[in-house]
Amino acid sequence: MDTLLQQLKDKGYKGNFDLASLIKACGNKFHKLEQNNNAGDRWSAFEFRMSDEWKSGEYRYCVGSTPEEAVIALYIKLNQK
C-alpha cells in the first residue's frame, strides 16, 4: 500500500485517502467497485467509458487487497500520460 500511496502523491493527488475521496478523484471515469470472493477477497475498481470509446476486447480495471488499493491503482492508471 505504501508504494501505491507514493505513486498517488507522485501523480499530484492532494486529497484525502478515504474511499469516497479516492472515488471522487477518479471523476466520471470511475464505474464501479466489486469484491471478488473467488480471488481471495480481492477488490476490483472498474473504469467507465461510453461504448463507442472501447476497442474490441478492451476492459480496464485494477485489483487490490482493499477497496482503497483498487481505487488508488485505478486513479494512477487513469492519470498515466
PDB file of N, CA and C in Angstrom:
ATOM      1  N   MET A   1       0.817  -1.199   0.000  1.00  0.00           N
ATOM      2  CA  MET A   1       0.000   0.000   0.000  1.00  0.00           C
ATOM      3  C   MET A   1       0.858   1.260   0.000  1.00  0.00           C
ATOM      4  N   ASP A   2       2.005   1.234   0.701  1.00  0.00           N
ATOM      5  CA  ASP A   2       2.868   2.410   0.756  1.00  0.00           C
ATOM      6  C   ASP A   2       3.364   2.810  -0.627  1.00  0.00           C
ATOM      7  N   THR A   3       3.685   1.829  -1.464  1.00  0.00           N
ATOM      8  CA  THR A   3       4.141   2.114  -2.824  1.00  0.00           C
ATOM      9  C   THR A   3       3.028   2.791  -3.628  1.00  0.00           C
ATOM     10  N   LEU A   4       1.798   2.291  -3.486  1.00  0.00           N
ATOM     11  CA  LEU A   4       0.670   2.908  -4.185  1.00  0.00           C
ATOM     12  C   LEU A   4       0.437   4.331  -3.706  1.00  0.00           C
ATOM     13  N   LEU A   5       0.529   4.555  -2.407  1.00  0.00           N
ATOM     14  CA  LEU A   5       0.341   5.908  -1.882  1.00  0.00           C
ATOM     15  C   LEU A   5       1.405   6.853  -2.408  1.00  0.00           C
ATOM     16  N   GLN A   6       2.635   6.380  -2.532  1.00  0.00           N
ATOM     17  CA  GLN A   6       3.698   7.226  -3.078  1.00  0.00           C
ATOM     18  C   GLN A   6       3.435   7.543  -4.549  1.00  0.00           C
ATOM     19  N   GLN A   7       3.002   6.550  -5.311  1.00  0.00           N
ATOM     20  CA  GLN A   7       2.670   6.783  -6.715  1.00  0.00           C
ATOM     21  C   GLN A   7       1.519   7.780  -6.836  1.00  0.00           C
ATOM     22  N   LEU A   8       0.556   7.676  -5.938  1.00  0.00           N
ATOM     23  CA  LEU A   8      -0.581   8.594  -5.934  1.00  0.00           C
ATOM     24  C   LEU A   8      -0.102  10.019  -5.688  1.00  0.00           C
ATOM     25  N   LYS A   9       0.761  10.193  -4.723  1.00  0.00           N
ATOM     26  CA  LYS A   9       1.325  11.518  -4.434  1.00  0.00           C
ATOM     27  C   LYS A   9       2.147  12.021  -5.615  1.00  0.00           C
ATOM     28  N   ASP A  10       2.893  11.119  -6.253  1.00  0.00           N
ATOM     29  CA  ASP A  10       3.700  11.496  -7.412  1.00  0.00           C
ATOM     30  C   ASP A  10       2.834  11.994  -8.572  1.00  0.00           C
ATOM     31  N   LYS A  11       1.600  11.516  -8.640  1.00  0.00           N
ATOM     32  CA  LYS A  11       0.665  11.952  -9.689  1.00  0.00           C
ATOM     33  C   LYS A  11       0.013  13.286  -9.337  1.00  0.00           C
ATOM     34  N   GLY A  12       0.373  13.846  -8.167  1.00  0.00           N
ATOM     35  CA  GLY A  12      -0.145  15.151  -7.780  1.00  0.00           C
ATOM     36  C   GLY A  12      -1.413  15.102  -6.946  1.00  0.00           C
ATOM     37  N   TYR A  13      -1.806  13.914  -6.494  1.00  0.00           N
ATOM     38  CA  TYR A  13      -3.016  13.797  -5.687  1.00  0.00           C
ATOM     39  C   TYR A  13      -2.795  14.469  -4.341  1.00  0.00           C
ATOM     40  N   LYS A  14      -3.728  15.364  -3.962  1.00  0.00           N
ATOM     41  CA  LYS A  14      -3.590  16.096  -2.716  1.00  0.00           C
ATOM     42  C   LYS A  14      -4.789  15.900  -1.796  1.00  0.00           C
ATOM     43  N   GLY A  15      -5.714  15.017  -2.174  1.00  0.00           N
ATOM     44  CA  GLY A  15      -6.924  14.810  -1.387  1.00  0.00           C
ATOM     45  C   GLY A  15      -6.722  13.853  -0.232  1.00  0.00           C
ATOM     46  N   ASN A  16      -7.833  13.522   0.401  1.00  0.00           N
ATOM     47  CA  ASN A  16      -7.831  12.552   1.498  1.00  0.00           C
ATOM     48  C   ASN A  16      -7.708  11.145   0.933  1.00  0.00           C
ATOM     49  N   PHE A  17      -7.376  10.212   1.797  1.00  0.00           N
ATOM     50  CA  PHE A  17      -7.178   8.827   1.364  1.00  0.00           C
ATOM     51  C   PHE A  17      -8.340   7.915   1.751  1.00  0.00           C
ATOM     52  N   ASP A  18      -9.481   8.510   2.108  1.00  0.00           N
ATOM     53  CA  ASP A  18     -10.657   7.688   2.378  1.00  0.00           C
ATOM     54  C   ASP A  18     -11.281   7.276   1.038  1.00  0.00           C
ATOM     55  N   LEU A  19     -12.059   6.221   1.064  1.00  0.00           N
ATOM     56  CA  LEU A  19     -12.600   5.634  -0.159  1.00  0.00           C
ATOM     57  C   LEU A  19     -13.425   6.631  -0.962  1.00  0.00           C
ATOM     58  N   ALA A  20     -14.299   7.373  -0.310  1.00  0.00           N
ATOM     59  CA  ALA A  20     -15.158   8.330  -1.025  1.00  0.00           C
ATOM     60  C   ALA A  20     -14.327   9.385  -1.766  1.00  0.00           C
ATOM     61  N   SER A  21     -13.298   9.903  -1.119  1.00  0.00           N
ATOM     62  CA  SER A  21     -12.439  10.915  -1.758  1.00  0.00           C
ATOM     63  C   SER A  21     -11.679  10.336  -2.940  1.00  0.00           C
ATOM     64  N   LEU A  22     -11.212   9.108  -2.795  1.00  0.00           N
ATOM     65  CA  LEU A  22     -10.478   8.462  -3.884  1.00  0.00           C
ATOM     66  C   LEU A  22     -11.371   8.228  -5.094  1.00  0.00           C
ATOM     67  N   ILE A  23     -12.596   7.779  -4.846  1.00  0.00           N
ATOM     68  CA  ILE A  23     -13.547   7.568  -5.948  1.00  0.00           C
ATOM     69  C   ILE A  23     -13.859   8.893  -6.625  1.00  0.00           C
ATOM     70  N   LYS A  24     -14.098   9.921  -5.836  1.00  0.00           N
ATOM     71  CA  LYS A  24     -14.397  11.248  -6.389  1.00  0.00           C
ATOM     72  C   LYS A  24     -13.245  11.762  -7.249  1.00  0.00           C
ATOM     73  N   ALA A  25     -12.017  11.478  -6.834  1.00  0.00           N
ATOM     74  CA  ALA A  25     -10.839  11.928  -7.586  1.00  0.00           C
ATOM     75  C   ALA A  25     -10.765  11.274  -8.965  1.00  0.00           C
ATOM     76  N   CYS A  26     -11.308  10.076  -9.106  1.00  0.00           N
ATOM     77  CA  CYS A  26     -11.334   9.403 -10.419  1.00  0.00           C
ATOM     78  C   CYS A  26     -12.301  10.085 -11.377  1.00  0.00           C
ATOM     79  N   GLY A  27     -13.204  10.871 -10.839  1.00  0.00           N
ATOM     80  CA  GLY A  27     -14.147  11.615 -11.672  1.00  0.00           C
ATOM     81  C   GLY A  27     -15.120  10.711 -12.394  1.00  0.00           C
ATOM     82  N   ASN A  28     -15.552  11.181 -13.561  1.00  0.00           N
ATOM     83  CA  ASN A  28     -16.561  10.428 -14.322  1.00  0.00           C
ATOM     84  C   ASN A  28     -16.005   9.181 -15.001  1.00  0.00           C
ATOM     85  N   LYS A  29     -14.733   8.908 -14.808  1.00  0.00           N
ATOM     86  CA  LYS A  29     -14.139   7.684 -15.363  1.00  0.00           C
ATOM     87  C   LYS A  29     -14.298   6.483 -14.431  1.00  0.00           C
ATOM     88  N   PHE A  30     -14.750   6.731 -13.182  1.00  0.00           N
ATOM     89  CA  PHE A  30     -14.974   5.625 -12.253  1.00  0.00           C
ATOM     90  C   PHE A  30     -16.317   4.987 -12.571  1.00  0.00           C
ATOM     91  N   HIS A  31     -16.325   3.646 -12.685  1.00  0.00           N
ATOM     92  CA  HIS A  31     -17.569   2.930 -12.985  1.00  0.00           C
ATOM     93  C   HIS A  31     -18.117   2.195 -11.778  1.00  0.00           C
ATOM     94  N   LYS A  32     -17.313   1.287 -11.222  1.00  0.00           N
ATOM     95  CA  LYS A  32     -17.815   0.504 -10.085  1.00  0.00           C
ATOM     96  C   LYS A  32     -16.668  -0.132  -9.328  1.00  0.00           C
ATOM     97  N   LEU A  33     -17.016  -0.603  -8.125  1.00  0.00           N
ATOM     98  CA  LEU A  33     -16.085  -1.309  -7.259  1.00  0.00           C
ATOM     99  C   LEU A  33     -16.742  -2.629  -6.891  1.00  0.00           C
ATOM    100  N   GLU A  34     -15.995  -3.722  -7.055  1.00  0.00           N
ATOM    101  CA  GLU A  34     -16.535  -5.064  -6.795  1.00  0.00           C
ATOM    102  C   GLU A  34     -15.602  -5.843  -5.891  1.00  0.00           C
ATOM    103  N   GLN A  35     -16.210  -6.642  -5.012  1.00  0.00           N
ATOM    104  CA  GLN A  35     -15.426  -7.587  -4.224  1.00  0.00           C
ATOM    105  C   GLN A  35     -15.504  -8.941  -4.905  1.00  0.00           C
ATOM    106  N   ASN A  36     -14.341  -9.548  -5.122  1.00  0.00           N
ATOM    107  CA  ASN A  36     -14.285 -10.837  -5.787  1.00  0.00           C
ATOM    108  C   ASN A  36     -13.903 -11.905  -4.770  1.00  0.00           C
ATOM    109  N   ASN A  37     -14.896 -12.555  -4.211  1.00  0.00           N
ATOM    110  CA  ASN A  37     -14.641 -13.573  -3.186  1.00  0.00           C
ATOM    111  C   ASN A  37     -13.937 -14.803  -3.738  1.00  0.00           C
ATOM    112  N   ASN A  38     -14.023 -15.029  -5.040  1.00  0.00           N
ATOM    113  CA  ASN A  38     -13.366 -16.179  -5.657  1.00  0.00           C
ATOM    114  C   ASN A  38     -11.858 -15.983  -5.795  1.00  0.00           C
ATOM    115  N   ALA A  39     -11.395 -14.766  -5.570  1.00  0.00           N
ATOM    116  CA  ALA A  39      -9.962 -14.467  -5.719  1.00  0.00           C
ATOM    117  C   ALA A  39      -9.347 -14.059  -4.377  1.00  0.00           C
ATOM    118  N   GLY A  40      -9.796 -14.671  -3.312  1.00  0.00           N
ATOM    119  CA  GLY A  40      -9.213 -14.376  -2.004  1.00  0.00           C
ATOM    120  C   GLY A  40      -9.571 -13.008  -1.471  1.00  0.00           C
ATOM    121  N   ASP A  41     -10.827 -12.631  -1.621  1.00  0.00           N
ATOM    122  CA  ASP A  41     -11.313 -11.333  -1.128  1.00  0.00           C
ATOM    123  C   ASP A  41     -10.582 -10.150  -1.734  1.00  0.00           C
ATOM    124  N   ARG A  42     -10.276 -10.233  -3.008  1.00  0.00           N
ATOM    125  CA  ARG A  42      -9.670  -9.114  -3.730  1.00  0.00           C
ATOM    126  C   ARG A  42     -10.769  -8.154  -4.168  1.00  0.00           C
ATOM    127  N   TRP A  43     -10.401  -6.909  -4.393  1.00  0.00           N
ATOM    128  CA  TRP A  43     -11.324  -5.875  -4.847  1.00  0.00           C
ATOM    129  C   TRP A  43     -10.910  -5.413  -6.235  1.00  0.00           C
ATOM    130  N   SER A  44     -11.896  -5.092  -7.065  1.00  0.00           N
ATOM    131  CA  SER A  44     -11.635  -4.589  -8.417  1.00  0.00           C
ATOM    132  C   SER A  44     -12.354  -3.268  -8.609  1.00  0.00           C
ATOM    133  N   ALA A  45     -11.637  -2.274  -9.115  1.00  0.00           N
ATOM    134  CA  ALA A  45     -12.196  -0.967  -9.454  1.00  0.00           C
ATOM    135  C   ALA A  45     -12.188  -0.860 -10.979  1.00  0.00           C
ATOM    136  N   PHE A  46     -13.345  -0.541 -11.550  1.00  0.00           N
ATOM    137  CA  PHE A  46     -13.521  -0.541 -12.998  1.00  0.00           C
ATOM    138  C   PHE A  46     -13.643   0.871 -13.562  1.00  0.00           C
ATOM    139  N   GLU A  47     -13.075   1.050 -14.739  1.00  0.00           N
ATOM    140  CA  GLU A  47     -13.162   2.315 -15.463  1.00  0.00           C
ATOM    141  C   GLU A  47     -14.465   2.381 -16.247  1.00  0.00           C
ATOM    142  N   PHE A  48     -15.026   3.584 -16.351  1.00  0.00           N
ATOM    143  CA  PHE A  48     -16.211   3.814 -17.168  1.00  0.00           C
ATOM    144  C   PHE A  48     -15.805   4.481 -18.472  1.00  0.00           C
ATOM    145  N   ARG A  49     -16.367   3.985 -19.557  1.00  0.00           N
ATOM    146  CA  ARG A  49     -16.242   4.626 -20.871  1.00  0.00           C
ATOM    147  C   ARG A  49     -17.545   4.418 -21.618  1.00  0.00           C
ATOM    148  N   MET A  50     -17.851   5.325 -22.493  1.00  0.00           N
ATOM    149  CA  MET A  50     -19.003   5.134 -23.373  1.00  0.00           C
ATOM    150  C   MET A  50     -18.678   3.971 -24.300  1.00  0.00           C
ATOM    151  N   SER A  51     -19.682   3.253 -24.745  1.00  0.00           N
ATOM    152  CA  SER A  51     -19.449   2.036 -25.532  1.00  0.00           C
ATOM    153  C   SER A  51     -18.644   2.302 -26.802  1.00  0.00           C
ATOM    154  N   ASP A  52     -18.768   3.475 -27.401  1.00  0.00           N
ATOM    155  CA  ASP A  52     -18.011   3.745 -28.629  1.00  0.00           C
ATOM    156  C   ASP A  52     -16.557   4.137 -28.365  1.00  0.00           C
ATOM    157  N   GLU A  53     -16.182   4.263 -27.095  1.00  0.00           N
ATOM    158  CA  GLU A  53     -14.803   4.580 -26.749  1.00  0.00           C
ATOM    159  C   GLU A  53     -13.946   3.329 -26.544  1.00  0.00           C
ATOM    160  N   TRP A  54     -14.571   2.173 -26.432  1.00  0.00           N
ATOM    161  CA  TRP A  54     -13.848   0.929 -26.182  1.00  0.00           C
ATOM    162  C   TRP A  54     -13.398   0.289 -27.476  1.00  0.00           C
ATOM    163  N   LYS A  55     -12.222  -0.258 -27.451  1.00  0.00           N
ATOM    164  CA  LYS A  55     -11.751  -1.080 -28.551  1.00  0.00           C
ATOM    165  C   LYS A  55     -12.213  -2.501 -28.274  1.00  0.00           C
ATOM    166  N   SER A  56     -12.304  -3.305 -29.275  1.00  0.00           N
ATOM    167  CA  SER A  56     -12.753  -4.686 -29.114  1.00  0.00           C
ATOM    168  C   SER A  56     -11.907  -5.419 -28.073  1.00  0.00           C
ATOM    169  N   GLY A  57     -12.554  -6.018 -27.090  1.00  0.00           N
ATOM    170  CA  GLY A  57     -11.864  -6.789 -26.076  1.00  0.00           C
ATOM    171  C   GLY A  57     -11.227  -5.976 -24.970  1.00  0.00           C
ATOM    172  N   GLU A  58     -11.338  -4.662 -25.018  1.00  0.00           N
ATOM    173  CA  GLU A  58     -10.700  -3.801 -24.018  1.00  0.00           C
ATOM    174  C   GLU A  58     -11.625  -3.598 -22.818  1.00  0.00           C
ATOM    175  N   TYR A  59     -11.097  -3.771 -21.640  1.00  0.00           N
ATOM    176  CA  TYR A  59     -11.854  -3.549 -20.417  1.00  0.00           C
ATOM    177  C   TYR A  59     -10.848  -3.252 -19.329  1.00  0.00           C
ATOM    178  N   ARG A  60     -10.852  -2.065 -18.787  1.00  0.00           N
ATOM    179  CA  ARG A  60      -9.822  -1.665 -17.836  1.00  0.00           C
ATOM    180  C   ARG A  60     -10.344  -1.723 -16.397  1.00  0.00           C
ATOM    181  N   TYR A  61      -9.590  -2.413 -15.574  1.00  0.00           N
ATOM    182  CA  TYR A  61      -9.885  -2.441 -14.145  1.00  0.00           C
ATOM    183  C   TYR A  61      -8.580  -2.674 -13.394  1.00  0.00           C
ATOM    184  N   CYS A  62      -8.607  -2.362 -12.114  1.00  0.00           N
ATOM    185  CA  CYS A  62      -7.435  -2.563 -11.270  1.00  0.00           C
ATOM    186  C   CYS A  62      -7.852  -3.332 -10.031  1.00  0.00           C
ATOM    187  N   VAL A  63      -6.932  -4.121  -9.516  1.00  0.00           N
ATOM    188  CA  VAL A  63      -7.222  -5.006  -8.393  1.00  0.00           C
ATOM    189  C   VAL A  63      -6.387  -4.593  -7.184  1.00  0.00           C
ATOM    190  N   GLY A  64      -6.971  -4.771  -6.003  1.00  0.00           N
ATOM    191  CA  GLY A  64      -6.248  -4.519  -4.763  1.00  0.00           C
ATOM    192  C   GLY A  64      -6.756  -5.413  -3.655  1.00  0.00           C
ATOM    193  N   SER A  65      -6.017  -5.470  -2.571  1.00  0.00           N
ATOM    194  CA  SER A  65      -6.446  -6.298  -1.445  1.00  0.00           C
ATOM    195  C   SER A  65      -7.458  -5.571  -0.568  1.00  0.00           C
ATOM    196  N   THR A  66      -7.596  -4.263  -0.772  1.00  0.00           N
ATOM    197  CA  THR A  66      -8.622  -3.464  -0.098  1.00  0.00           C
ATOM    198  C   THR A  66      -9.326  -2.618  -1.159  1.00  0.00           C
ATOM    199  N   PRO A  67     -10.519  -2.108  -0.852  1.00  0.00           N
ATOM    200  CA  PRO A  67     -11.179  -1.224  -1.820  1.00  0.00           C
ATOM    201  C   PRO A  67     -10.318  -0.001  -2.151  1.00  0.00           C
ATOM    202  N   GLU A  68      -9.669   0.554  -1.135  1.00  0.00           N
ATOM    203  CA  GLU A  68      -8.833   1.730  -1.351  1.00  0.00           C
ATOM    204  C   GLU A  68      -7.671   1.432  -2.296  1.00  0.00           C
ATOM    205  N   GLU A  69      -7.019   0.288  -2.121  1.00  0.00           N
ATOM    206  CA  GLU A  69      -5.908  -0.082  -3.014  1.00  0.00           C
ATOM    207  C   GLU A  69      -6.375  -0.195  -4.456  1.00  0.00           C
ATOM    208  N   ALA A  70      -7.525  -0.802  -4.668  1.00  0.00           N
ATOM    209  CA  ALA A  70      -8.046  -0.959  -6.030  1.00  0.00           C
ATOM    210  C   ALA A  70      -8.334   0.396  -6.660  1.00  0.00           C
ATOM    211  N   VAL A  71      -8.945   1.298  -5.913  1.00  0.00           N
ATOM    212  CA  VAL A  71      -9.294   2.619  -6.458  1.00  0.00           C
ATOM    213  C   VAL A  71      -8.039   3.463  -6.667  1.00  0.00           C
ATOM    214  N   ILE A  72      -7.078   3.378  -5.755  1.00  0.00           N
ATOM    215  CA  ILE A  72      -5.812   4.105  -5.954  1.00  0.00           C
ATOM    216  C   ILE A  72      -5.127   3.622  -7.232  1.00  0.00           C
ATOM    217  N   ALA A  73      -5.079   2.313  -7.434  1.00  0.00           N
ATOM    218  CA  ALA A  73      -4.450   1.769  -8.647  1.00  0.00           C
ATOM    219  C   ALA A  73      -5.182   2.242  -9.895  1.00  0.00           C
ATOM    220  N   LEU A  74      -6.515   2.318  -9.838  1.00  0.00           N
ATOM    221  CA  LEU A  74      -7.281   2.817 -10.984  1.00  0.00           C
ATOM    222  C   LEU A  74      -6.978   4.294 -11.222  1.00  0.00           C
ATOM    223  N   TYR A  75      -6.935   5.087 -10.174  1.00  0.00           N
ATOM    224  CA  TYR A  75      -6.614   6.508 -10.308  1.00  0.00           C
ATOM    225  C   TYR A  75      -5.256   6.687 -10.984  1.00  0.00           C
ATOM    226  N   ILE A  76      -4.283   5.923 -10.552  1.00  0.00           N
ATOM    227  CA  ILE A  76      -2.941   6.007 -11.142  1.00  0.00           C
ATOM    228  C   ILE A  76      -2.995   5.642 -12.623  1.00  0.00           C
ATOM    229  N   LYS A  77      -3.692   4.577 -12.954  1.00  0.00           N
ATOM    230  CA  LYS A  77      -3.794   4.156 -14.356  1.00  0.00           C
ATOM    231  C   LYS A  77      -4.518   5.213 -15.193  1.00  0.00           C
ATOM    232  N   LEU A  78      -5.570   5.801 -14.649  1.00  0.00           N
ATOM    233  CA  LEU A  78      -6.326   6.818 -15.380  1.00  0.00           C
ATOM    234  C   LEU A  78      -5.502   8.075 -15.617  1.00  0.00           C
ATOM    235  N   ASN A  79      -4.525   8.319 -14.770  1.00  0.00           N
ATOM    236  CA  ASN A  79      -3.731   9.528 -14.868  1.00  0.00           C
ATOM    237  C   ASN A  79      -2.335   9.316 -15.437  1.00  0.00           C
ATOM    238  N   GLN A  80      -2.134   8.182 -16.101  1.00  0.00           N
ATOM    239  CA  GLN A  80      -0.873   7.946 -16.803  1.00  0.00           C
ATOM    240  C   GLN A  80      -0.841   8.814 -18.043  1.00  0.00           C
ATOM    241  N   LYS A  81       0.335   9.241 -18.405  1.00  0.00           N
ATOM    242  CA  LYS A  81       0.466  10.069 -19.618  1.00  0.00           C
ATOM    243  C   LYS A  81       0.967   9.242 -20.758  1.00  0.00           C
TER     244      LYS A  81
END
